[in-house]
Amino acid sequence: MPEHQQHRRDSSGSASGDVEKQDVSVSEDVKEDVVLTYQAVDPAADKRLIRRVDMRIVPASMVIYLLCSLDRSNVGNAKILNADKGDSLLQTLSISNQQYLVALMIFYVSYTLFETPSNYMLKKFRPSRWIAFLMFAWGAMTMILGGISNFGGLVAVRFLLGMFEAGLFPGMVYVLTFWYRPEERALRIALILASATLGGAFGGAIAYGVGMLNSAHGIQAWRYLFIIEGAPSCAGAVLVWFFFPDYPETVSWLSPAERELAVERLKGVASLGHHRITWAEAKETLRDYRLYVHYLIYITISVPFSSMSLFSPTIVSGLGYEGLNAQLFTVPPYAIAFCVTVAVAWMSDKYEMRTLGTSISMLIAGVCFIVEGAVPADSFKLRYAFFVIALSFSFACIPPLLSWLTANLRSTGASTLAVPLNVSIGQVGQIIGIYIYKANESPGYPTGHYTNAGFLLVGAISVIGLRIMYIGRNKMLAPGERKWRL
């Protein structure tokens, strides 16, 4: 029996703690016998395995990220909930709009600081344990928000909420690298990311219902909102602890043959989950200049992602829709965005066109933002149509971009560090997105639209430039060397 197969059998039969302690180095070379072994696998067996893995990982990840999105964004609902009765978050705590903005900003500060450390802890303690801890912690922080009484409490708890939520999305992307080949990730990332749009829809519906509880037992409705939406995360953490999968080599719900296949199909294209992070890998990752191009591109897509997430109702209200109608007309853009995001991700994976999926989506969104900013302010229907397209493709460019990054990470250290660094640096774009839609520019908001367009078009050009760089690197490879993915 070949040595790598003997090691795999030993690993799959050991306890997960023992697997964690093994000091296994990551090979950078793709061996011909490994490639031939995977290519010789029964396609039907491969599909059955992927279906089993999908059923265990994707729905659970979507629900977890949905709960995270609810607990992150419900402060926006609380801000205006029962404001007509003087019982909103701002009115109850007697804080100004500027103080509210500070509370939002502090979330991004802690989010940026703790993303990379959180991914390291996920690697150290195993995904199921660490994600369960994060879920329980952010759920508890959300419930505690229901009991705050002043601005200081709001800022402190929002800081802690950002700290615990920081590791989830990069952690989810990281976990996918343990289970899927590069060409299989974009669609899964898209489904997880798209669940955030569902969070926005559910959040509004829940807030509407909870608003009916205002003053029940002398408690404002926004306090009920935090408590009700934080509780499912705490309860779900128990299920994640016991049932969320860690690594293919350790799970008990796969047969020995399936575990062997799950590991074999990733050889040469991904790092195994149980491999240790070495300082040499960390230094190499931090010094790899090409990764910083990925990070800078992520900033360009984070600006429209943030601004659309925060200001969609405001933009819609500038299109002639007011009150509840403004909320109602934010539903179609997000419904269409869900479909477009999944479709672009599926095509990017199926046809190995991650760079084209990203750059074309960014180009379409950028042009639509230019049109939206240029047409007359009273062209409501035309502006709404271009708003729908712009929002949809602003979301759609993210999954293939993340899939492209993970496809070109070739060691445990690179996967552990590069993904959270990418998202952390992208927070710069999220912060920019907070400020670009100015109230005094209603209803046209030219600054916001043109700023989004500028970042997206620069990002599209940068993606093409990075693609050309990878093509050049591939031409210089020796026969048999692993190619960079496009």
Protein backbone atom coordinates (compact mmCIF):
# COMPACT_ATOMS: atom_id res chain seq x y z
CA MET A 1 0.00 0.00 0.00
CA PRO A 2 1.41 3.47 -0.87
CA GLU A 3 2.65 5.45 2.07
CA HIS A 4 0.18 8.33 1.63
CA GLN A 5 -2.74 5.87 1.64
CA GLN A 6 -1.46 4.15 4.79
CA HIS A 7 -1.24 7.52 6.53
CA ARG A 8 -4.76 8.40 5.44
CA ARG A 9 -6.16 5.15 6.86
CA ASP A 10 -4.40 5.80 10.15
CA SER A 11 -5.75 9.35 10.26
CA SER A 12 -9.34 8.40 9.54
CA GLY A 13 -9.35 5.84 12.30
CA SER A 14 -7.93 8.08 15.00
CA ALA A 15 -9.71 10.48 17.29
CA SER A 16 -9.95 14.06 16.06
CA GLY A 17 -7.71 15.27 18.88
CA ASP A 18 -4.98 12.86 17.81
CA VAL A 19 -5.31 14.02 14.24
CA GLU A 20 -4.83 17.60 15.35
CA LYS A 21 -1.52 16.72 17.01
CA GLN A 22 0.07 15.10 14.01
CA ASP A 23 2.94 17.12 12.61
CA VAL A 24 2.35 16.73 8.92
CA SER A 25 4.01 18.98 6.40
CA VAL A 26 2.13 20.26 3.37
CA SER A 27 3.46 19.23 0.00
CA GLU A 28 3.60 21.90 -2.64
CA ASP A 29 4.01 19.48 -5.54
CA VAL A 30 1.30 17.70 -7.45
CA LYS A 31 2.33 14.10 -7.95
CA GLU A 32 1.26 12.32 -11.10
CA ASP A 33 0.02 9.22 -9.27
CA VAL A 34 -2.26 11.37 -7.11
CA VAL A 35 -3.77 13.10 -10.12
CA LEU A 36 -4.29 9.77 -11.88
CA THR A 37 -5.87 8.29 -8.75
CA TYR A 38 -8.48 11.03 -8.58
CA GLN A 39 -9.19 10.96 -12.30
CA ALA A 40 -9.76 7.19 -12.08
CA VAL A 41 -12.44 7.58 -9.39
CA ASP A 42 -15.94 6.39 -10.24
CA PRO A 43 -17.84 9.60 -11.16
CA ALA A 44 -21.00 8.23 -9.55
CA ALA A 45 -19.17 7.67 -6.26
CA ASP A 46 -17.71 11.17 -6.48
CA LYS A 47 -21.16 12.71 -7.01
CA ARG A 48 -22.64 10.72 -4.14
CA LEU A 49 -19.89 11.95 -1.85
CA ILE A 50 -20.40 15.59 -2.85
CA ARG A 51 -24.14 15.28 -2.29
CA ARG A 52 -23.57 13.92 1.21
CA VAL A 53 -21.07 16.66 2.01
CA ASP A 54 -23.38 19.33 0.60
CA MET A 55 -26.29 18.19 2.74
CA ARG A 56 -24.15 18.38 5.87
CA ILE A 57 -22.33 21.65 5.22
CA VAL A 58 -24.24 24.01 2.92
CA PRO A 59 -27.69 24.23 4.58
CA ALA A 60 -26.11 24.47 8.04
CA SER A 61 -23.72 27.18 6.89
CA MET A 62 -26.54 29.14 5.29
CA VAL A 63 -28.64 29.05 8.46
CA ILE A 64 -25.67 30.05 10.61
CA TYR A 65 -24.84 32.99 8.35
CA LEU A 66 -28.51 33.97 8.20
CA LEU A 67 -28.62 34.17 12.01
CA CYS A 68 -25.37 36.13 11.99
CA SER A 69 -26.80 38.61 9.48
CA LEU A 70 -29.96 39.05 11.54
CA ASP A 71 -28.03 39.77 14.72
CA ARG A 72 -25.69 42.17 12.90
CA SER A 73 -28.29 44.26 11.09
CA ASN A 74 -31.19 44.36 13.56
CA VAL A 75 -29.81 47.55 15.10
CA GLY A 76 -31.06 49.30 11.96
CA ASN A 77 -34.58 48.03 12.61
CA ALA A 78 -34.31 48.99 16.29
CA LYS A 79 -33.27 52.52 15.34
CA ILE A 80 -36.69 53.34 13.88
CA LEU A 81 -38.95 50.73 15.50
CA ASN A 82 -41.99 52.53 17.03
CA ALA A 83 -40.33 55.90 16.49
CA ASP A 84 -43.79 57.39 15.94
CA LYS A 85 -44.55 56.55 19.59
CA GLY A 86 -41.24 57.81 20.95
CA ASP A 87 -40.04 54.29 21.77
CA SER A 88 -37.25 53.68 19.24
CA LEU A 89 -33.69 52.79 20.23
CA LEU A 90 -32.42 56.33 19.68
CA GLN A 91 -35.32 57.93 21.56
CA THR A 92 -35.21 55.56 24.51
CA LEU A 93 -31.44 55.91 25.02
CA SER A 94 -31.46 59.65 24.13
CA ILE A 95 -28.59 59.34 21.65
CA SER A 96 -27.97 61.40 18.53
CA ASN A 97 -27.56 60.23 14.95
CA GLN A 98 -23.83 60.93 15.23
CA GLN A 99 -23.55 58.73 18.33
CA TYR A 100 -25.51 56.03 16.51
CA LEU A 101 -22.98 56.21 13.66
CA VAL A 102 -20.16 55.76 16.17
CA ALA A 103 -21.87 52.63 17.46
CA LEU A 104 -22.04 51.28 13.92
CA MET A 105 -18.40 52.12 13.25
CA ILE A 106 -17.10 50.43 16.39
CA PHE A 107 -18.53 47.18 15.09
CA TYR A 108 -16.32 47.40 11.99
CA VAL A 109 -13.27 48.25 14.10
CA SER A 110 -13.52 45.07 16.16
CA TYR A 111 -14.59 43.08 13.11
CA THR A 112 -11.37 44.07 11.34
CA LEU A 113 -9.14 43.40 14.34
CA PHE A 114 -10.39 39.92 15.16
CA GLU A 115 -10.96 38.23 11.79
CA THR A 116 -7.46 36.81 11.36
CA PRO A 117 -7.02 35.70 15.01
CA SER A 118 -10.43 34.05 14.84
CA ASN A 119 -9.43 31.96 11.82
CA TYR A 120 -6.35 30.79 13.69
CA MET A 121 -8.52 29.76 16.64
CA LEU A 122 -10.88 27.91 14.29
CA LYS A 123 -7.90 25.95 13.05
CA LYS A 124 -6.66 25.28 16.59
CA PHE A 125 -9.95 24.21 18.18
CA ARG A 126 -11.70 22.66 15.14
CA PRO A 127 -14.52 24.31 13.15
CA SER A 128 -17.47 22.81 15.05
CA ARG A 129 -16.15 23.92 18.44
CA TRP A 130 -15.07 27.42 17.42
CA ILE A 131 -18.12 28.28 15.30
CA ALA A 132 -20.40 27.06 18.09
CA PHE A 133 -18.57 29.29 20.56
CA LEU A 134 -18.86 32.29 18.24
CA MET A 135 -22.57 31.65 17.70
CA PHE A 136 -23.34 31.44 21.39
CA ALA A 137 -21.26 34.55 22.10
CA TRP A 138 -22.78 36.78 19.43
CA GLY A 139 -26.27 35.53 20.31
CA ALA A 140 -25.64 36.42 23.94
CA MET A 141 -24.33 39.87 22.97
CA THR A 142 -27.45 40.47 20.86
CA MET A 143 -29.69 39.57 23.78
CA ILE A 144 -27.66 41.80 26.09
CA LEU A 145 -28.32 44.69 23.69
CA GLY A 146 -31.95 44.37 24.79
CA GLY A 147 -30.94 45.44 28.28
CA ILE A 148 -28.65 48.42 27.62
CA SER A 149 -29.59 51.79 29.05
CA ASN A 150 -27.11 54.30 27.59
CA PHE A 151 -24.78 55.14 24.71
CA GLY A 152 -21.72 53.64 26.45
CA GLY A 153 -23.45 50.29 26.79
CA LEU A 154 -24.46 50.34 23.13
CA VAL A 155 -20.88 51.00 21.98
CA ALA A 156 -19.36 48.39 24.30
CA VAL A 157 -21.74 45.61 23.31
CA ARG A 158 -21.51 46.45 19.60
CA PHE A 159 -17.71 46.17 19.89
CA LEU A 160 -18.05 42.71 21.42
CA LEU A 161 -20.64 41.72 18.83
CA GLY A 162 -18.21 42.62 16.04
CA MET A 163 -15.44 40.68 17.76
CA PHE A 164 -17.49 37.47 17.89
CA GLU A 165 -19.05 37.80 14.43
CA ALA A 166 -15.72 38.65 12.78
CA GLY A 167 -14.54 35.09 12.30
CA LEU A 168 -17.69 33.58 10.83
CA PHE A 169 -17.63 34.44 7.12
CA PRO A 170 -13.88 33.99 6.55
CA GLY A 171 -14.13 30.89 8.72
CA MET A 172 -16.90 29.47 6.55
CA VAL A 173 -14.90 30.13 3.39
CA TYR A 174 -11.88 28.50 5.05
CA VAL A 175 -13.91 25.41 6.02
CA LEU A 176 -14.99 24.96 2.40
CA THR A 177 -11.33 24.52 1.43
CA PHE A 178 -11.21 21.40 3.63
CA TRP A 179 -14.04 19.76 1.71
CA TYR A 180 -14.24 21.05 -1.87
CA ARG A 181 -12.00 21.37 -4.85
CA PRO A 182 -11.40 24.94 -6.16
CA GLU A 183 -13.87 24.59 -9.04
CA GLU A 184 -16.61 23.58 -6.56
CA ARG A 185 -16.40 26.47 -4.11
CA ALA A 186 -17.89 29.55 -5.77
CA LEU A 187 -21.44 28.17 -5.84
CA ARG A 188 -21.25 27.15 -2.17
CA ILE A 189 -19.82 30.54 -1.18
CA ALA A 190 -22.62 32.19 -3.17
CA LEU A 191 -25.32 30.24 -1.37
CA ILE A 192 -23.86 31.17 2.02
CA LEU A 193 -23.40 34.81 1.08
CA ALA A 194 -26.86 35.02 -0.48
CA SER A 195 -28.42 33.94 2.81
CA ALA A 196 -27.53 37.45 4.05
CA THR A 197 -30.11 38.84 1.62
CA LEU A 198 -32.64 36.47 3.16
CA GLY A 199 -31.60 37.85 6.53
CA GLY A 200 -32.56 41.33 5.37
CA ALA A 201 -35.97 40.12 4.28
CA PHE A 202 -36.64 38.14 7.46
CA GLY A 203 -35.31 40.98 9.62
CA GLY A 204 -37.88 43.42 8.33
CA ALA A 205 -40.72 40.94 8.72
CA ILE A 206 -39.70 40.02 12.25
CA ALA A 207 -39.32 43.67 13.24
CA TYR A 208 -42.80 44.40 11.91
CA GLY A 209 -44.28 41.63 14.07
CA VAL A 210 -42.25 42.45 17.16
CA GLY A 211 -43.31 46.09 16.86
CA MET A 212 -46.76 44.94 17.97
CA LEU A 213 -45.27 44.01 21.36
CA ASN A 214 -44.30 47.59 22.15
CA SER A 215 -44.89 48.49 25.81
CA ALA A 216 -45.91 44.93 26.71
CA HIS A 217 -44.94 44.55 30.38
CA GLY A 218 -43.51 48.07 30.13
CA ILE A 219 -40.73 47.05 27.72
CA GLN A 220 -40.01 48.75 24.39
CA ALA A 221 -40.33 46.60 21.26
CA TRP A 222 -36.70 47.11 20.19
CA ARG A 223 -35.61 45.34 23.38
CA TYR A 224 -37.83 42.37 22.51
CA LEU A 225 -36.35 42.43 19.01
CA PHE A 226 -32.79 41.92 20.27
CA ILE A 227 -33.80 39.21 22.71
CA ILE A 228 -35.95 37.29 20.21
CA GLU A 229 -33.35 37.43 17.43
CA GLY A 230 -30.39 36.60 19.68
CA ALA A 231 -31.94 33.50 21.24
CA PRO A 232 -31.85 31.27 18.10
CA SER A 233 -28.09 31.79 17.76
CA CYS A 234 -27.52 30.65 21.33
CA ALA A 235 -29.73 27.58 20.84
CA GLY A 236 -28.23 26.79 17.44
CA ALA A 237 -24.73 26.81 18.91
CA VAL A 238 -25.52 23.55 20.72
CA LEU A 239 -26.43 21.84 17.45
CA VAL A 240 -23.33 23.19 15.73
CA TRP A 241 -21.10 21.91 18.53
CA PHE A 242 -22.33 18.34 18.10
CA PHE A 243 -23.21 18.08 14.41
CA PHE A 244 -21.19 20.55 12.28
CA PRO A 245 -18.46 18.63 10.39
CA ASP A 246 -14.79 19.31 10.99
CA TYR A 247 -12.46 17.54 8.56
CA PRO A 248 -13.05 14.78 5.97
CA GLU A 249 -10.50 12.57 7.70
CA THR A 250 -12.29 12.64 11.05
CA VAL A 251 -16.06 12.60 10.53
CA SER A 252 -17.95 9.44 11.48
CA TRP A 253 -20.85 9.86 9.05
CA LEU A 254 -18.63 8.96 6.08
CA SER A 255 -17.61 5.38 5.46
CA PRO A 256 -13.88 4.55 5.38
CA ALA A 257 -14.03 4.43 1.57
CA GLU A 258 -15.78 7.82 1.43
CA ARG A 259 -13.24 9.36 3.80
CA GLU A 260 -10.46 8.02 1.61
CA LEU A 261 -12.07 9.51 -1.49
CA ALA A 262 -12.79 12.83 0.26
CA VAL A 263 -9.11 13.21 1.13
CA GLU A 264 -7.76 11.87 -2.17
CA ARG A 265 -9.80 14.25 -4.33
CA LEU A 266 -8.24 17.25 -2.55
CA LYS A 267 -4.63 16.16 -2.84
CA GLY A 268 -2.60 18.71 -4.74
CA VAL A 269 -5.39 21.30 -4.93
CA ALA A 270 -6.08 22.07 -1.26
CA SER A 271 -4.49 21.74 2.16
CA LEU A 272 -5.93 19.13 4.49
CA GLY A 273 -7.76 20.50 7.50
CA HIS A 274 -5.68 18.79 10.15
CA HIS A 275 -2.32 20.08 8.91
CA ARG A 276 -0.55 22.40 11.29
CA ILE A 277 0.30 26.00 10.46
CA THR A 278 4.02 26.66 10.34
CA TRP A 279 5.77 29.99 10.86
CA ALA A 280 7.51 29.54 7.50
CA GLU A 281 4.10 29.30 5.78
CA ALA A 282 2.84 32.36 7.65
CA LYS A 283 5.85 34.45 6.59
CA GLU A 284 5.58 33.28 3.00
CA THR A 285 1.89 34.22 2.95
CA LEU A 286 2.49 37.67 4.43
CA ARG A 287 5.27 38.37 1.91
CA ASP A 288 3.36 37.18 -1.16
CA TYR A 289 2.63 40.42 -3.04
CA ARG A 290 0.07 38.84 -5.40
CA LEU A 291 -2.24 38.23 -2.43
CA TYR A 292 -2.30 41.94 -1.66
CA VAL A 293 -3.67 42.54 -5.15
CA HIS A 294 -6.54 40.19 -4.22
CA TYR A 295 -7.04 42.14 -0.98
CA LEU A 296 -7.13 45.51 -2.75
CA ILE A 297 -9.63 44.21 -5.29
CA TYR A 298 -11.83 43.07 -2.41
CA ILE A 299 -11.93 46.68 -1.17
CA THR A 300 -13.41 47.75 -4.50
CA ILE A 301 -16.33 45.34 -4.19
CA SER A 302 -16.86 46.06 -0.48
CA VAL A 303 -17.83 49.69 -1.13
CA PRO A 304 -21.00 48.91 -3.14
CA PHE A 305 -21.75 45.86 -0.96
CA SER A 306 -21.75 48.03 2.15
CA SER A 307 -23.56 51.02 0.66
CA MET A 308 -26.28 48.87 -0.93
CA SER A 309 -26.80 46.94 2.31
CA LEU A 310 -27.17 50.13 4.32
CA PHE A 311 -28.89 52.53 1.94
CA SER A 312 -31.17 50.47 -0.30
CA PRO A 313 -34.34 51.75 1.45
CA THR A 314 -32.99 55.30 1.24
CA ILE A 315 -32.25 54.97 -2.47
CA VAL A 316 -35.67 53.42 -3.13
CA SER A 317 -37.35 56.24 -1.24
CA GLY A 318 -35.63 58.60 -3.67
CA LEU A 319 -37.27 56.75 -6.55
CA GLY A 320 -40.74 57.94 -5.66
CA TYR A 321 -41.59 55.24 -3.10
CA GLU A 322 -42.22 56.29 0.49
CA GLY A 323 -43.12 54.78 3.84
CA LEU A 324 -43.95 51.07 3.72
CA ASN A 325 -43.77 51.14 -0.08
CA ALA A 326 -40.08 52.02 0.17
CA GLN A 327 -39.53 48.89 2.25
CA LEU A 328 -41.70 46.81 -0.08
CA PHE A 329 -39.79 47.83 -3.20
CA THR A 330 -36.46 46.74 -1.68
CA VAL A 331 -37.64 43.12 -1.88
CA PRO A 332 -37.44 42.60 -5.69
CA PRO A 333 -33.81 43.79 -5.98
CA TYR A 334 -32.66 41.36 -3.29
CA ALA A 335 -34.74 38.49 -4.69
CA ILE A 336 -33.22 39.05 -8.14
CA ALA A 337 -29.77 39.50 -6.58
CA PHE A 338 -30.08 36.08 -4.95
CA CYS A 339 -30.78 34.45 -8.33
CA VAL A 340 -28.08 36.37 -10.19
CA THR A 341 -25.46 35.67 -7.51
CA VAL A 342 -26.11 31.94 -7.55
CA ALA A 343 -26.20 31.83 -11.38
CA VAL A 344 -22.90 33.69 -11.78
CA ALA A 345 -21.25 31.51 -9.15
CA TRP A 346 -22.51 28.32 -10.80
CA MET A 347 -21.16 29.38 -14.20
CA SER A 348 -17.85 30.47 -12.68
CA ASP A 349 -17.37 27.05 -11.13
CA LYS A 350 -18.68 24.98 -14.03
CA TYR A 351 -16.65 26.69 -16.73
CA GLU A 352 -13.58 27.61 -14.62
CA MET A 353 -14.12 31.32 -15.35
CA ARG A 354 -13.79 32.92 -11.94
CA THR A 355 -11.93 36.00 -13.19
CA LEU A 356 -14.39 36.56 -16.01
CA GLY A 357 -17.38 36.02 -13.70
CA THR A 358 -15.98 38.62 -11.32
CA SER A 359 -14.82 41.23 -13.84
CA ILE A 360 -17.92 41.07 -16.04
CA SER A 361 -20.19 41.38 -12.99
CA MET A 362 -18.20 44.38 -11.76
CA LEU A 363 -18.31 45.98 -15.21
CA ILE A 364 -22.09 45.56 -15.51
CA ALA A 365 -22.70 46.93 -12.01
CA GLY A 366 -20.31 49.85 -12.57
CA VAL A 367 -21.98 50.90 -15.83
CA CYS A 368 -25.42 50.66 -14.21
CA PHE A 369 -24.34 52.93 -11.36
CA ILE A 370 -23.08 55.49 -13.90
CA VAL A 371 -26.40 55.42 -15.73
CA GLU A 372 -28.30 55.67 -12.46
CA GLY A 373 -26.33 58.74 -11.45
CA ALA A 374 -26.63 60.38 -14.87
CA VAL A 375 -30.33 59.99 -15.74
CA PRO A 376 -32.82 62.65 -14.58
CA ALA A 377 -33.85 62.33 -10.95
CA ASP A 378 -37.52 62.04 -11.90
CA SER A 379 -36.95 59.03 -14.23
CA PHE A 380 -38.09 56.75 -11.44
CA LYS A 381 -38.80 53.56 -13.38
CA LEU A 382 -35.58 53.72 -15.39
CA ARG A 383 -33.50 54.42 -12.28
CA TYR A 384 -35.21 51.58 -10.40
CA ALA A 385 -34.44 49.14 -13.23
CA PHE A 386 -30.75 50.06 -13.24
CA PHE A 387 -30.70 49.96 -9.43
CA VAL A 388 -31.91 46.35 -9.51
CA ILE A 389 -29.21 45.36 -12.01
CA ALA A 390 -26.47 47.25 -10.19
CA LEU A 391 -27.32 45.72 -6.82
CA SER A 392 -27.60 42.21 -8.26
CA PHE A 393 -24.19 42.21 -9.94
CA SER A 394 -22.55 44.03 -7.02
CA PHE A 395 -23.37 40.96 -4.93
CA ALA A 396 -22.67 38.48 -7.74
CA CYS A 397 -19.01 39.44 -8.15
CA ILE A 398 -18.07 38.43 -4.59
CA PRO A 399 -18.31 34.58 -4.58
CA PRO A 400 -16.16 33.96 -7.69
CA LEU A 401 -13.59 36.44 -6.39
CA LEU A 402 -13.32 34.59 -3.08
CA SER A 403 -13.26 31.25 -4.89
CA TRP A 404 -10.42 32.51 -7.09
CA LEU A 405 -8.42 33.51 -4.02
CA THR A 406 -8.87 30.16 -2.26
CA ALA A 407 -8.10 28.27 -5.48
CA ASN A 408 -4.62 29.81 -5.52
CA LEU A 409 -3.75 29.18 -1.85
CA ARG A 410 -1.46 26.19 -1.63
CA SER A 411 -0.71 25.64 2.03
CA THR A 412 -2.42 25.50 5.41
CA GLY A 413 -0.79 28.75 6.49
CA ALA A 414 -1.89 30.56 3.34
CA SER A 415 -5.50 29.37 3.73
CA THR A 416 -5.59 30.25 7.43
CA LEU A 417 -4.19 33.77 6.98
CA ALA A 418 -5.10 34.95 3.49
CA VAL A 419 -8.89 34.51 3.69
CA PRO A 420 -9.43 36.56 6.88
CA LEU A 421 -6.83 39.14 5.79
CA ASN A 422 -8.76 39.53 2.56
CA VAL A 423 -12.03 40.19 4.38
CA SER A 424 -10.36 42.36 7.05
CA ILE A 425 -8.72 44.66 4.54
CA GLY A 426 -12.02 44.75 2.68
CA GLN A 427 -13.54 46.47 5.73
CA VAL A 428 -11.88 49.66 4.46
CA GLY A 429 -14.34 49.53 1.59
CA GLN A 430 -17.24 48.84 3.94
CA ILE A 431 -16.38 51.95 5.96
CA ILE A 432 -16.19 54.07 2.80
CA GLY A 433 -19.60 52.77 1.79
CA ILE A 434 -21.16 54.22 4.95
CA TYR A 435 -20.46 57.80 3.91
CA ILE A 436 -21.05 58.03 0.15
CA TYR A 437 -24.85 58.41 0.04
CA LYS A 438 -25.39 61.96 1.30
CA ALA A 439 -28.79 63.03 2.55
CA ASN A 440 -28.48 66.48 0.94
CA GLU A 441 -28.17 64.86 -2.52
CA SER A 442 -31.58 63.18 -2.42
CA PRO A 443 -33.15 61.91 -4.63
CA GLY A 444 -30.37 61.52 -7.22
CA TYR A 445 -27.44 60.66 -4.91
CA PRO A 446 -24.80 61.21 -7.64
CA THR A 447 -21.84 60.98 -5.25
CA GLY A 448 -22.92 57.54 -4.04
CA HIS A 449 -23.62 56.15 -7.50
CA TYR A 450 -20.46 57.51 -9.10
CA THR A 451 -18.29 56.39 -6.19
CA ASN A 452 -19.64 52.86 -6.45
CA ALA A 453 -19.10 52.93 -10.22
CA GLY A 454 -15.52 54.15 -9.86
CA PHE A 455 -14.54 51.43 -7.38
CA LEU A 456 -16.21 48.70 -9.42
CA LEU A 457 -14.60 49.72 -12.71
CA VAL A 458 -11.16 50.01 -11.12
CA GLY A 459 -11.75 46.60 -9.58
CA ALA A 460 -12.73 45.08 -12.94
CA ILE A 461 -9.53 46.38 -14.54
CA SER A 462 -7.48 45.09 -11.61
CA VAL A 463 -9.03 41.63 -11.93
CA ILE A 464 -8.07 41.49 -15.60
CA GLY A 465 -4.56 42.66 -14.73
CA LEU A 466 -4.18 39.97 -12.09
CA ARG A 467 -5.47 37.38 -14.54
CA ILE A 468 -2.79 38.43 -17.06
CA MET A 469 -0.16 38.09 -14.32
CA TYR A 470 -1.29 34.54 -13.54
CA ILE A 471 -1.27 33.64 -17.24
CA GLY A 472 2.32 34.87 -17.43
CA ARG A 473 3.27 32.79 -14.40
CA ASN A 474 1.70 29.69 -15.93
CA LYS A 475 3.77 30.11 -19.09
CA MET A 476 6.96 30.00 -17.03
CA LEU A 477 6.09 26.78 -15.18
CA ALA A 478 8.07 23.63 -15.78
CA PRO A 479 6.23 20.55 -17.12
CA GLY A 480 4.19 18.90 -14.34
CA GLU A 481 4.13 21.95 -12.07
CA ARG A 482 0.76 22.95 -10.69
CA LYS A 483 -0.80 25.80 -12.68
CA TRP A 484 -2.31 28.91 -11.20
CA ARG A 485 -6.07 28.94 -11.59
CA LEU A 486 -7.93 31.63 -13.48
